Protein backbone atom coordinates (compact mmCIF):
# COMPACT_ATOMS: atom_id res chain seq x y z
CA MET A 1 0.00 0.00 0.00
CA LEU A 2 1.26 3.47 -0.86
CA ASP A 3 1.15 5.13 2.54
CA GLU A 4 4.31 7.19 2.33
CA ILE A 5 5.05 10.07 -0.03
CA GLU A 6 8.52 8.71 -0.79
CA THR A 7 7.11 5.28 -1.63
CA ALA A 8 4.53 6.80 -3.97
CA LEU A 9 7.15 8.98 -5.69
CA ASN A 10 9.54 6.05 -6.13
CA PHE A 11 6.75 3.89 -7.53
CA ALA A 12 5.63 6.58 -9.96
CA SER A 13 9.25 7.25 -11.00
CA SER A 14 9.66 3.61 -12.00
CA MET A 15 6.83 3.81 -14.55
CA THR A 16 7.40 4.23 -18.28
CA TRP A 17 5.21 5.31 -21.18
CA ASN A 18 6.09 4.06 -24.65
CA GLY A 19 9.53 3.09 -23.34
CA LYS A 20 10.25 6.53 -21.88
CA ASN A 21 10.71 7.34 -18.21
CA ILE A 22 8.26 9.84 -16.79
CA ILE A 23 9.15 12.89 -14.71
CA VAL A 24 7.73 12.83 -11.19
CA LYS A 25 7.75 15.87 -8.91
CA LEU A 26 6.16 16.50 -5.53
CA ILE A 27 4.32 19.82 -5.42
CA ASN A 28 3.61 21.17 -1.96
CA LYS A 29 1.99 24.47 -2.84
CA THR A 30 -1.66 25.30 -3.29
CA TYR A 31 -2.69 26.60 -6.68
CA LYS A 32 -4.83 29.70 -6.99
CA THR A 33 -8.34 29.07 -8.21
CA GLY A 34 -10.03 30.99 -10.99
CA ILE A 35 -6.92 31.32 -13.16
CA LYS A 36 -7.59 30.52 -16.81
CA LEU A 37 -5.49 30.20 -19.94
CA THR A 38 -5.90 32.71 -22.74
CA LYS A 39 -7.51 31.54 -25.97
CA LYS A 40 -4.10 31.74 -27.65
CA ALA A 41 -2.51 29.50 -24.99
CA ILE A 42 -5.36 26.99 -25.26
CA ALA A 43 -5.00 26.93 -29.06
CA GLN A 44 -1.28 26.10 -28.72
CA ILE A 45 -2.07 23.19 -26.39
CA GLU A 46 -4.88 21.93 -28.62
CA ASN A 47 -2.35 21.67 -31.48
CA GLN A 48 -0.26 19.25 -29.39
CA ILE A 49 -3.03 16.83 -28.38
CA GLN A 50 -5.48 14.59 -30.15
CA ARG A 51 -8.87 14.27 -28.49
CA LEU A 52 -10.32 10.78 -28.63
CA THR A 53 -13.95 11.86 -28.45
CA ASN A 54 -15.20 8.87 -30.45
CA SER A 55 -13.64 6.33 -28.11
CA HIS A 56 -14.91 2.77 -28.25
CA HIS A 57 -13.01 1.75 -25.12
CA GLU A 58 -14.88 -0.99 -23.24
CA ILE A 59 -14.28 0.36 -19.74
CA PHE A 60 -14.24 4.13 -20.43
CA PRO A 61 -16.61 4.74 -23.35
CA ILE A 62 -17.83 8.18 -22.25
CA LEU A 63 -14.64 10.09 -21.45
CA GLY A 64 -15.20 12.42 -24.39
CA ASN A 65 -12.89 15.43 -24.40
CA TRP A 66 -11.01 14.16 -21.34
CA PHE A 67 -9.62 11.16 -23.24
CA ILE A 68 -6.59 12.51 -25.13
CA ASP A 69 -3.43 11.32 -26.84
CA ILE A 70 -0.49 13.70 -26.39
């Protein structure tokens, strides 16, 4: 069971995606609420992702815009 921060970070650091190691960081600060990206910033991000809105995944068929491929 992941009951320690260090254990969770070590576990997450050992994961890979498509053969690449992921970057894991512990963030201790609280983010401000109500902050939004500009339309220009959102457009730049949208160019980097592919939304899988027509997913036929058996377990998660209704993820819609939240199901993306980066």
